[in-house]
């Protein structure tokens, strides 16, 4: 069975995001980019499944600018067998990405898609669910534990009330939560080997997919600065301020 893992190039999570001066996006120029942390977890789970003999090949896929090749090379260094870049400079929204992935899943005859539950840049959290609907596959979201059997997967998922364990029929789309695993680090020998692994580049037109945006971005604004705290002299003064000056945060 082949496992397809979508990976997204995002602003490194250690860097504070800043809105552009015109309010039409997030400033990325000159800043460090990295693989989406949830996608790292998805890739690690796919690699572990392959190591346990549940899969024969792990394919990393990224959609976006040519710079996404760096993210795919990282995926190859971590252990993915090969990579596919859908190269475009156009804005890609979750529906467009899901359509591109659907074509690649069918072309590669993958039996499982593991992706992060969300990307830390837009926090949309939609691509996995949309992809499952387009494919007509089972889906299990927010997975914190995954066990594969011959024709089904047992997935423990995190919900508001705690943990829920479900069984889904294969093929399936699984989205990963933070506590599923701890991603490995790429070793220097594997980084060197990754340079020789196949990385295919295709375009949305070649896949016959319409990626035109369906949503319009109006404005990006940063959250208001946190107001400095104050020191009160008595409990009575504290209670008075809580009653009369407290704001909903």
Protein backbone atom coordinates (compact mmCIF):
# COMPACT_ATOMS: atom_id res chain seq x y z
CA UNK A 1 0.00 0.00 0.00
CA UNK A 2 1.18 3.50 -0.83
CA UNK A 3 0.74 6.32 1.68
CA UNK A 4 0.46 9.88 0.39
CA UNK A 5 1.47 12.66 2.80
CA UNK A 6 0.75 16.31 1.92
CA UNK A 7 3.31 18.73 3.42
CA UNK A 8 2.98 22.50 3.45
CA UNK A 9 5.69 25.17 3.54
CA UNK A 10 4.83 27.70 6.24
CA UNK A 11 6.48 30.39 8.33
CA UNK A 12 8.64 28.77 11.02
CA UNK A 13 6.61 28.48 14.22
CA UNK A 14 9.39 30.16 16.24
CA UNK A 15 8.93 33.40 14.29
CA UNK A 16 6.18 35.84 15.20
CA UNK A 17 3.93 36.50 12.21
CA UNK A 18 3.44 40.11 11.11
CA UNK A 19 0.74 41.46 8.83
CA UNK A 20 1.83 43.27 5.68
CA UNK A 21 1.54 47.04 5.66
CA UNK A 22 -1.28 46.87 3.12
CA UNK A 23 -3.17 44.30 5.21
CA UNK A 24 -3.39 41.85 2.32
CA UNK A 25 -1.36 39.03 3.83
CA UNK A 26 1.43 38.00 6.19
CA UNK A 27 4.97 39.27 5.74
CA UNK A 28 7.21 36.38 4.63
CA UNK A 29 10.09 38.11 2.83
CA UNK A 30 13.46 37.16 4.27
CA UNK A 31 11.96 35.02 7.04
CA UNK A 32 12.70 31.37 7.80
CA UNK A 33 10.22 28.89 6.38
CA UNK A 34 9.68 25.30 7.49
CA UNK A 35 7.43 22.28 7.14
CA UNK A 36 4.07 22.65 8.87
CA UNK A 37 4.49 20.98 12.30
CA UNK A 38 1.30 18.90 11.96
CA UNK A 39 2.54 17.65 8.58
CA UNK A 40 5.80 16.56 10.21
CA UNK A 41 3.74 14.41 12.55
CA UNK A 42 1.78 12.98 9.61
CA UNK A 43 5.00 12.12 7.78
CA UNK A 44 6.46 10.48 10.88
CA UNK A 45 3.38 8.30 11.27
CA UNK A 46 3.54 7.25 7.62
CA UNK A 47 7.20 6.33 8.01
CA UNK A 48 6.47 4.30 11.14
CA UNK A 49 3.69 2.42 9.35
CA UNK A 50 6.09 1.60 6.53
CA UNK A 51 8.72 0.42 9.02
CA UNK A 52 6.12 -1.90 10.57
CA UNK A 53 5.40 -3.37 7.15
CA UNK A 54 1.96 -1.79 6.75
CA UNK A 55 3.01 0.25 3.69
CA UNK A 56 5.34 -0.17 0.75
CA UNK A 57 5.98 3.46 -0.20
CA UNK A 58 5.62 6.93 1.31
CA UNK A 59 5.05 9.79 -1.14
CA UNK A 60 5.36 13.41 0.01
CA UNK A 61 3.35 16.04 -1.88
CA UNK A 62 3.47 19.81 -1.70
CA UNK A 63 1.48 22.42 -3.61
CA UNK A 64 2.77 25.93 -4.14
CA UNK A 65 5.79 27.92 -5.28
CA UNK A 66 9.01 26.35 -6.50
CA UNK A 67 10.53 27.07 -3.07
CA UNK A 68 8.38 24.23 -1.73
CA UNK A 69 11.08 21.93 -3.12
CA UNK A 70 13.04 22.68 0.06
CA UNK A 71 10.19 21.32 2.17
CA UNK A 72 9.97 18.21 -0.01
CA UNK A 73 13.72 17.64 0.25
CA UNK A 74 13.30 17.75 4.02
CA UNK A 75 10.56 15.13 3.74
CA UNK A 76 12.85 12.96 1.61
CA UNK A 77 15.65 13.36 4.13
CA UNK A 78 13.31 12.24 6.89
CA UNK A 79 12.53 9.05 4.98
CA UNK A 80 9.92 9.62 2.27
CA UNK A 81 10.64 7.52 -0.81
CA UNK A 82 9.81 10.18 -3.40
CA UNK A 83 8.15 13.55 -3.71
CA UNK A 84 5.77 15.44 -5.99
CA UNK A 85 5.55 19.22 -6.29
CA UNK A 86 2.47 20.81 -7.82
CA UNK A 87 4.11 24.04 -8.88
CA UNK A 88 2.06 27.24 -9.03
CA UNK A 89 2.43 30.86 -7.97
CA UNK A 90 -1.34 31.25 -7.56
CA UNK A 91 -3.03 31.44 -4.18
CA UNK A 92 -4.13 27.96 -3.12
CA UNK A 93 -7.17 27.54 -0.90
CA UNK A 94 -8.18 24.27 0.83
CA UNK A 95 -10.65 23.24 -1.88
CA UNK A 96 -8.05 23.70 -4.64
CA UNK A 97 -5.43 21.74 -2.69
CA UNK A 98 -7.92 18.92 -2.05
CA UNK A 99 -8.73 18.75 -5.78
CA UNK A 100 -5.05 18.51 -6.66
CA UNK A 101 -4.49 15.81 -4.05
CA UNK A 102 -7.48 13.83 -5.30
CA UNK A 103 -5.95 13.60 -8.78
CA UNK A 104 -2.58 12.55 -7.35
CA UNK A 105 -4.14 9.96 -5.03
CA UNK A 106 -5.94 8.37 -7.96
CA UNK A 107 -2.89 8.56 -10.21
CA UNK A 108 -0.59 6.99 -7.63
CA UNK A 109 -3.24 4.48 -6.50
CA UNK A 110 -2.54 5.35 -2.86
CA UNK A 111 -4.47 3.44 -0.21
CA UNK A 112 -4.07 5.94 2.63
CA UNK A 113 -3.61 9.69 3.00
CA UNK A 114 -2.17 11.04 6.25
CA UNK A 115 -2.09 14.81 6.65
CA UNK A 116 -1.82 17.34 9.44
CA UNK A 117 -5.12 18.41 10.98
CA UNK A 118 -4.37 22.05 10.05
CA UNK A 119 -1.67 24.37 8.80
CA UNK A 120 -0.35 26.93 11.28
CA UNK A 121 -0.51 29.79 8.77
CA UNK A 122 -4.26 29.86 8.02
CA UNK A 123 -5.56 27.33 10.60
CA UNK A 124 -8.25 26.33 8.12
CA UNK A 125 -8.31 22.65 9.11
CA UNK A 126 -10.36 21.71 6.05
CA UNK A 127 -8.16 20.02 3.45
CA UNK A 128 -8.25 16.49 4.85
CA UNK A 129 -12.01 16.48 5.26
CA UNK A 130 -12.63 17.96 1.80
CA UNK A 131 -10.27 15.41 0.24
CA UNK A 132 -12.09 12.52 1.93
CA UNK A 133 -15.40 13.82 0.59
CA UNK A 134 -14.05 14.22 -2.95
CA UNK A 135 -12.60 10.71 -2.91
CA UNK A 136 -15.61 9.15 -1.21
CA UNK A 137 -13.25 7.67 1.41
CA UNK A 138 -13.58 7.15 5.14
CA UNK A 139 -12.02 9.82 7.33
CA UNK A 140 -10.64 9.99 10.87
CA UNK A 141 -9.61 13.41 12.16
CA UNK A 142 -7.44 14.61 15.08
CA UNK A 143 -5.78 11.20 15.45
CA UNK A 144 -3.65 10.57 18.53
CA UNK A 145 -3.18 6.84 17.82
CA UNK A 146 -3.44 4.84 14.60
CA UNK A 147 -3.49 1.06 14.10
CA UNK A 148 -3.85 -0.45 10.63
CA UNK A 149 -5.41 -3.84 9.93
CA UNK A 150 -6.05 -5.61 6.62
CA UNK A 151 -9.12 -3.65 5.58
CA UNK A 152 -9.69 -1.11 8.34
CA UNK A 153 -7.94 1.35 10.65
CA UNK A 154 -8.54 1.82 14.36
CA UNK A 155 -8.03 5.46 15.28
CA UNK A 156 -8.08 7.12 18.68
CA UNK A 157 -9.00 10.75 18.19
CA UNK A 158 -9.00 13.75 20.51
CA UNK A 159 -12.36 15.41 21.09
CA UNK A 160 -13.62 18.06 23.52
CA UNK A 161 -14.78 15.42 25.99
CA UNK A 162 -11.54 13.41 25.95
CA UNK A 163 -10.69 10.51 23.64
CA UNK A 164 -12.84 8.65 21.13
CA UNK A 165 -11.85 5.41 19.37
CA UNK A 166 -13.37 4.68 15.98
CA UNK A 167 -12.90 2.06 13.27
CA UNK A 168 -12.89 3.23 9.65
CA UNK A 169 -12.80 1.18 6.48
CA UNK A 170 -9.82 1.46 4.17
CA UNK A 171 -8.96 3.39 2.04
CA UNK A 172 -9.10 6.41 4.34
CA UNK A 173 -7.92 9.93 5.02
CA UNK A 174 -6.44 10.47 8.51
CA UNK A 175 -5.52 13.85 9.98
CA UNK A 176 -3.02 14.00 12.82
CA UNK A 177 -3.02 15.72 16.18
CA UNK A 178 0.01 16.83 18.21
CA UNK A 179 0.14 13.82 20.52
CA UNK A 180 0.26 11.15 17.81
CA UNK A 181 4.07 10.92 17.82
CA UNK A 182 7.34 12.83 18.05
CA UNK A 183 8.91 13.45 14.63
CA UNK A 184 12.45 12.29 14.01
CA UNK A 185 15.38 14.44 12.96
CA UNK A 186 17.04 14.15 9.57
CA UNK A 187 20.57 12.76 9.78
CA UNK A 188 23.38 14.10 7.61
CA UNK A 189 23.68 10.86 5.57
CA UNK A 190 19.94 10.91 4.88
CA UNK A 191 20.11 14.58 3.89
CA UNK A 192 22.75 13.68 1.33
CA UNK A 193 20.72 10.69 0.09
CA UNK A 194 17.64 12.91 -0.29
CA UNK A 195 19.38 14.84 -3.07
CA UNK A 196 19.25 11.72 -5.25
CA UNK A 197 15.67 10.72 -4.49
CA UNK A 198 13.09 11.46 -7.22
CA UNK A 199 11.22 14.77 -6.99
CA UNK A 200 8.62 15.20 -9.73
CA UNK A 201 7.23 18.61 -10.67
CA UNK A 202 3.81 19.00 -12.26
CA UNK A 203 1.40 21.89 -12.78
CA UNK A 204 -2.32 22.24 -12.01
CA UNK A 205 -2.99 22.51 -15.76
CA UNK A 206 -1.22 19.20 -16.37
CA UNK A 207 -3.49 17.64 -13.73
CA UNK A 208 -6.53 19.35 -15.31
CA UNK A 209 -7.53 21.00 -12.03
CA UNK A 210 -9.14 24.44 -11.66
CA UNK A 211 -7.45 26.16 -8.71
CA UNK A 212 -9.23 29.53 -8.98
CA UNK A 213 -9.85 30.99 -5.49
CA UNK A 214 -13.43 30.78 -4.24
CA UNK A 215 -12.89 33.04 -1.24
CA UNK A 216 -11.77 36.67 -1.12
CA UNK A 217 -9.32 37.87 1.51
CA UNK A 218 -10.51 41.23 2.80
CA UNK A 219 -7.84 42.13 5.34
CA UNK A 220 -5.23 40.66 7.68
CA UNK A 221 -4.76 42.39 11.02
CA UNK A 222 -2.63 41.61 14.04
CA UNK A 223 -4.29 41.07 17.44
CA UNK A 224 -4.31 44.13 19.70
CA UNK A 225 -1.32 44.59 21.98
CA UNK A 226 -1.79 43.24 25.49
CA UNK A 227 -2.54 45.92 28.06
CA UNK A 228 -0.05 46.13 30.92
CA UNK A 229 -1.23 44.94 34.33
CA UNK A 230 -1.60 47.10 37.41
CA UNK A 231 -0.98 46.56 41.11
CA UNK A 232 -3.83 47.06 43.61
CA UNK A 233 -3.44 47.82 47.29
CA UNK A 234 -6.43 45.97 48.76
CA UNK A 235 -8.81 43.11 48.05
CA UNK A 236 -11.68 45.59 48.00
CA UNK A 237 -9.97 47.57 45.22
CA UNK A 238 -9.39 44.36 43.27
CA UNK A 239 -13.05 43.35 43.54
CA UNK A 240 -14.15 46.83 42.48
CA UNK A 241 -11.95 46.73 39.37
CA UNK A 242 -13.12 43.23 38.48
CA UNK A 243 -16.73 44.36 38.69
CA UNK A 244 -16.41 47.65 36.89
CA UNK A 245 -13.34 47.46 34.64
CA UNK A 246 -12.92 43.82 33.70
CA UNK A 247 -13.04 43.13 29.97
CA UNK A 248 -13.75 39.98 28.10
CA UNK A 249 -10.45 38.70 26.68
